[in-house]
Amino acid sequence: MAEIDTIMQVNRGVWIFQQLEDRLKMKLGWKHLYNQWFHLACFRHRSTEWLNVDAINMHLTQSLELYPDTKVTQALFKCVKNAAELKQKAVEGKINGALINPTMLVSPFQVMVAANKAFHLHSIGNMKTRSLNSEIIFNLSPTNSISDAFKRFGISDRDDSALVVVVHGEDNELQAVSDIMAMVDGQQLPVDEISSLSDLEKIRKLYKVTPQEETCGTLLDAVVCRMAIKDVM
């Protein structure tokens, strides 16, 4: 039942993203949809119940809700020694994936929300950045500044941890993921341990989360809510 509840939550979240976009284009009021998303975000996300983590490889692979033939794989690393090299390869287009600073993440669910929105915008030709991978990073941010999104959520030369996010089809999953993971000089962790690397104070400050909000919901609820409504604020 918990897995069914989670699928329903994600499906509803993707639907609200689409409705927000349609309302914005039509210049209609968005407060009703904001309220719907807020109530959705107030569900407590029980990560240990919905994560489908490979017990051997420790990475997480999930299908996109609107595009079930497309999958997103997340792989988490700490003690990374070659962040500068990885960043340069990403800039040169030699890494077909998003390299994310995990200290600014609360949960893998946060990445799936960003990836769902990014792939939808990619499919309709309405991205704000130049690539699907950069769009995922941009969608994690609560603001509409692309440069700020990369500063906060992309990896930097001195980072010692990284979350690798790869969007791929079912037929090339193993190759797409293994190629990038082989480039990382670091220790892999199970993705559901991402909270052990989170800088909660920085996250609260960036997303402007008040103590009052966390009395009626989780930090993840507040973060996802801000990610959802930034286009209409």
Protein backbone atom coordinates (compact mmCIF):
# COMPACT_ATOMS: atom_id res chain seq x y z
CA MET A 1 0.00 0.00 0.00
CA ALA A 2 2.88 2.39 0.76
CA GLU A 3 4.28 1.94 -2.77
CA ILE A 4 0.84 2.64 -4.26
CA ASP A 5 0.49 5.80 -2.14
CA THR A 6 3.88 7.03 -3.33
CA ILE A 7 3.06 6.41 -7.01
CA MET A 8 -0.20 8.33 -6.57
CA GLN A 9 1.67 11.23 -4.95
CA VAL A 10 4.22 11.45 -7.78
CA ASN A 11 1.53 11.14 -10.46
CA ARG A 12 -0.42 13.94 -8.80
CA GLY A 13 2.72 16.03 -8.56
CA VAL A 14 3.49 15.70 -12.28
CA TRP A 15 -0.13 16.56 -13.13
CA ILE A 16 0.08 19.72 -11.03
CA PHE A 17 3.31 20.73 -12.80
CA GLN A 18 1.46 20.51 -16.12
CA GLN A 19 -1.51 22.43 -14.79
CA LEU A 20 0.73 25.17 -13.41
CA GLU A 21 2.36 25.51 -16.81
CA ASP A 22 -1.01 25.67 -18.58
CA ARG A 23 -2.37 28.23 -16.13
CA LEU A 24 0.71 30.40 -16.57
CA LYS A 25 0.36 30.32 -20.36
CA MET A 26 -3.32 31.21 -20.14
CA LYS A 27 -2.60 33.94 -17.56
CA LEU A 28 -5.13 32.48 -15.17
CA GLY A 29 -4.96 32.41 -11.41
CA TRP A 30 -2.55 29.85 -9.93
CA LYS A 31 -3.33 30.07 -6.23
CA HIS A 32 -5.73 27.13 -6.35
CA LEU A 33 -3.08 24.92 -7.93
CA TYR A 34 -0.48 26.16 -5.46
CA ASN A 35 -2.76 25.08 -2.64
CA GLN A 36 -3.20 21.67 -4.25
CA TRP A 37 0.55 21.23 -4.48
CA PHE A 38 1.02 22.41 -0.91
CA HIS A 39 -1.40 19.77 0.35
CA LEU A 40 0.38 17.16 -1.78
CA ALA A 41 3.72 18.20 -0.30
CA CYS A 42 2.35 17.83 3.22
CA PHE A 43 2.33 14.04 2.78
CA ARG A 44 5.30 12.61 4.61
CA HIS A 45 7.59 10.82 2.16
CA ARG A 46 8.78 7.57 3.73
CA SER A 47 11.92 6.99 1.69
CA THR A 48 12.63 3.53 3.11
CA GLU A 49 9.29 2.32 1.77
CA TRP A 50 9.48 3.55 -1.83
CA LEU A 51 13.15 3.45 -2.79
CA ASN A 52 13.99 0.57 -5.12
CA VAL A 53 17.73 0.36 -4.53
CA ASP A 54 19.89 -2.27 -6.18
CA ALA A 55 21.32 -4.24 -3.26
CA ILE A 56 24.57 -4.95 -5.12
CA ASN A 57 25.26 -1.71 -6.99
CA MET A 58 23.58 0.54 -4.41
CA HIS A 59 22.11 2.82 -7.06
CA LEU A 60 18.47 3.76 -7.45
CA THR A 61 16.60 3.36 -10.74
CA GLN A 62 13.03 4.55 -11.29
CA SER A 63 10.77 5.17 -14.28
CA LEU A 64 9.46 8.63 -15.10
CA GLU A 65 5.75 8.79 -14.39
CA LEU A 66 4.70 10.42 -17.67
CA TYR A 67 7.27 8.54 -19.73
CA PRO A 68 7.52 5.00 -18.29
CA ASP A 69 9.98 3.84 -20.98
CA THR A 70 12.45 6.42 -19.69
CA LYS A 71 14.30 5.77 -16.46
CA VAL A 72 16.36 7.82 -14.02
CA THR A 73 19.27 6.27 -12.14
CA GLN A 74 20.90 7.93 -9.14
CA ALA A 75 24.30 6.94 -7.72
CA LEU A 76 25.78 8.54 -4.59
CA PHE A 77 29.48 8.95 -3.78
CA LYS A 78 31.49 10.33 -0.87
CA CYS A 79 35.25 10.87 -0.47
CA VAL A 80 35.37 11.96 -4.11
CA LYS A 81 38.90 12.92 -5.14
CA ASN A 82 38.39 14.05 -8.74
CA ALA A 83 35.48 16.50 -8.61
CA ALA A 84 37.35 19.07 -10.73
CA GLU A 85 38.00 16.47 -13.43
CA LEU A 86 34.39 15.31 -13.41
CA LYS A 87 33.13 18.87 -13.68
CA GLN A 88 35.41 19.56 -16.64
CA LYS A 89 34.25 16.40 -18.42
CA ALA A 90 30.64 17.43 -17.89
CA VAL A 91 31.35 20.87 -19.39
CA GLU A 92 33.01 19.22 -22.39
CA GLY A 93 30.03 16.93 -22.91
CA LYS A 94 31.98 13.78 -22.06
CA ILE A 95 29.58 12.86 -19.24
CA ASN A 96 25.98 12.24 -20.24
CA GLY A 97 24.51 12.83 -16.82
CA ALA A 98 23.88 15.44 -14.17
CA LEU A 99 26.50 15.87 -11.44
CA ILE A 100 24.79 17.21 -8.33
CA ASN A 101 26.04 18.44 -4.97
CA PRO A 102 24.28 16.08 -2.52
CA THR A 103 24.77 18.37 0.46
CA MET A 104 21.91 20.50 -0.91
CA LEU A 105 19.51 17.57 -1.20
CA VAL A 106 17.06 16.25 1.38
CA SER A 107 15.97 13.08 -0.40
CA PRO A 108 16.26 11.23 -3.75
CA PHE A 109 12.57 12.09 -4.22
CA GLN A 110 13.65 15.71 -4.71
CA VAL A 111 15.75 14.65 -7.71
CA MET A 112 12.91 12.63 -9.21
CA VAL A 113 10.62 15.65 -9.05
CA ALA A 114 13.25 17.74 -10.86
CA ALA A 115 13.87 15.00 -13.44
CA ASN A 116 10.17 14.50 -14.18
CA LYS A 117 9.71 18.19 -14.84
CA ALA A 118 12.94 18.47 -16.84
CA PHE A 119 12.08 15.58 -19.15
CA HIS A 120 8.56 16.89 -19.69
CA LEU A 121 9.88 20.33 -20.68
CA HIS A 122 12.50 18.64 -22.86
CA SER A 123 9.81 16.62 -24.66
CA ILE A 124 7.74 19.73 -25.47
CA GLY A 125 10.76 21.88 -26.37
CA ASN A 126 10.33 24.35 -23.55
CA MET A 127 13.53 24.01 -21.50
CA LYS A 128 15.24 27.05 -20.02
CA THR A 129 18.72 25.53 -20.26
CA ARG A 130 20.64 23.92 -23.11
CA SER A 131 20.43 20.27 -22.09
CA LEU A 132 18.30 17.81 -20.19
CA ASN A 133 21.02 17.29 -17.57
CA SER A 134 21.39 21.01 -16.90
CA GLU A 135 17.60 21.33 -16.75
CA ILE A 136 17.50 18.79 -13.91
CA ILE A 137 19.99 20.86 -11.93
CA PHE A 138 18.07 24.05 -12.70
CA ASN A 139 14.78 22.53 -11.52
CA LEU A 140 16.25 21.76 -8.11
CA SER A 141 16.67 25.46 -7.44
CA PRO A 142 13.96 27.61 -5.82
CA THR A 143 14.91 30.57 -8.05
CA ASN A 144 14.91 31.20 -11.81
CA SER A 145 18.62 32.05 -11.95
CA ILE A 146 20.46 29.43 -14.00
CA SER A 147 23.88 30.53 -12.78
CA ASP A 148 22.76 30.40 -9.16
CA ALA A 149 21.29 26.91 -9.68
CA PHE A 150 24.63 25.60 -10.94
CA LYS A 151 26.49 27.34 -8.14
CA ARG A 152 24.25 25.78 -5.48
CA PHE A 153 23.46 22.36 -6.94
CA GLY A 154 26.21 21.57 -9.43
CA ILE A 155 29.46 20.11 -8.15
CA SER A 156 32.46 22.37 -7.66
CA ASP A 157 36.17 21.63 -7.95
CA ARG A 158 36.61 21.18 -4.21
CA ASP A 159 33.56 19.03 -3.49
CA ASP A 160 34.20 15.65 -1.90
CA SER A 161 30.78 14.14 -2.60
CA ALA A 162 28.61 13.81 -5.69
CA LEU A 163 25.27 12.46 -6.83
CA VAL A 164 25.33 11.15 -10.40
CA VAL A 165 21.95 11.29 -12.16
CA VAL A 166 21.52 9.54 -15.51
CA VAL A 167 18.40 9.59 -17.71
CA HIS A 168 18.28 6.59 -20.02
CA GLY A 169 16.12 4.02 -21.75
CA GLU A 170 15.54 0.45 -20.63
CA ASP A 171 17.85 -1.02 -23.26
CA ASN A 172 21.01 0.91 -22.29
CA GLU A 173 20.65 1.18 -18.53
CA LEU A 174 23.73 -0.84 -17.54
CA GLN A 175 26.07 0.83 -20.01
CA ALA A 176 24.81 4.38 -19.45
CA VAL A 177 25.26 4.15 -15.69
CA SER A 178 28.47 2.11 -15.52
CA ASP A 179 30.32 4.41 -17.94
CA ILE A 180 29.87 7.42 -15.67
CA MET A 181 30.31 5.57 -12.38
CA ALA A 182 33.67 4.28 -13.62
CA MET A 183 34.88 7.88 -13.92
CA VAL A 184 34.24 8.70 -10.26
CA ASP A 185 37.18 8.27 -7.89
CA GLY A 186 35.23 7.88 -4.66
CA GLN A 187 33.37 5.59 -2.30
CA GLN A 188 29.83 4.66 -3.33
CA LEU A 189 27.01 4.83 -0.81
CA PRO A 190 23.43 3.54 -0.95
CA VAL A 191 21.30 6.35 -2.38
CA ASP A 192 18.95 6.27 0.60
CA GLU A 193 21.85 7.49 2.76
CA ILE A 194 21.86 10.86 1.02
CA SER A 195 20.54 12.54 4.17
CA SER A 196 23.84 11.71 5.88
CA LEU A 197 25.50 14.25 3.56
CA SER A 198 22.76 16.91 3.68
CA ASP A 199 23.59 20.38 5.03
CA LEU A 200 20.17 21.07 6.52
CA GLU A 201 20.90 24.61 7.64
CA LYS A 202 22.04 25.66 4.17
CA ILE A 203 19.00 23.98 2.66
CA ARG A 204 16.61 25.77 5.03
CA LYS A 205 18.30 29.10 4.29
CA LEU A 206 18.26 28.67 0.51
CA TYR A 207 14.61 27.58 0.36
CA LYS A 208 13.62 30.04 3.11
CA VAL A 209 11.92 27.38 5.21
CA THR A 210 10.57 28.62 8.52
CA PRO A 211 10.34 26.58 11.74
CA GLN A 212 6.55 26.94 11.59
CA GLU A 213 6.43 25.10 8.26
CA GLU A 214 8.22 22.10 9.71
CA THR A 215 5.63 21.79 12.46
CA CYS A 216 2.95 20.86 9.91
CA GLY A 217 5.13 19.05 7.39
CA THR A 218 8.68 17.95 6.65
CA LEU A 219 11.62 19.89 5.23
CA LEU A 220 11.22 17.83 2.07
CA ASP A 221 7.61 18.97 1.78
CA ALA A 222 8.67 22.63 1.89
CA VAL A 223 11.53 22.12 -0.57
CA VAL A 224 9.41 20.32 -3.18
CA CYS A 225 6.67 22.93 -2.85
CA ARG A 226 9.11 25.74 -3.68
CA MET A 227 10.55 23.79 -6.60
CA ALA A 228 7.04 23.40 -7.99
CA ILE A 229 5.90 26.99 -7.82
CA LYS A 230 9.05 28.93 -8.74
CA ASP A 231 7.84 29.46 -12.34
CA VAL A 232 4.77 31.36 -11.18
CA MET A 233 6.10 33.31 -8.23
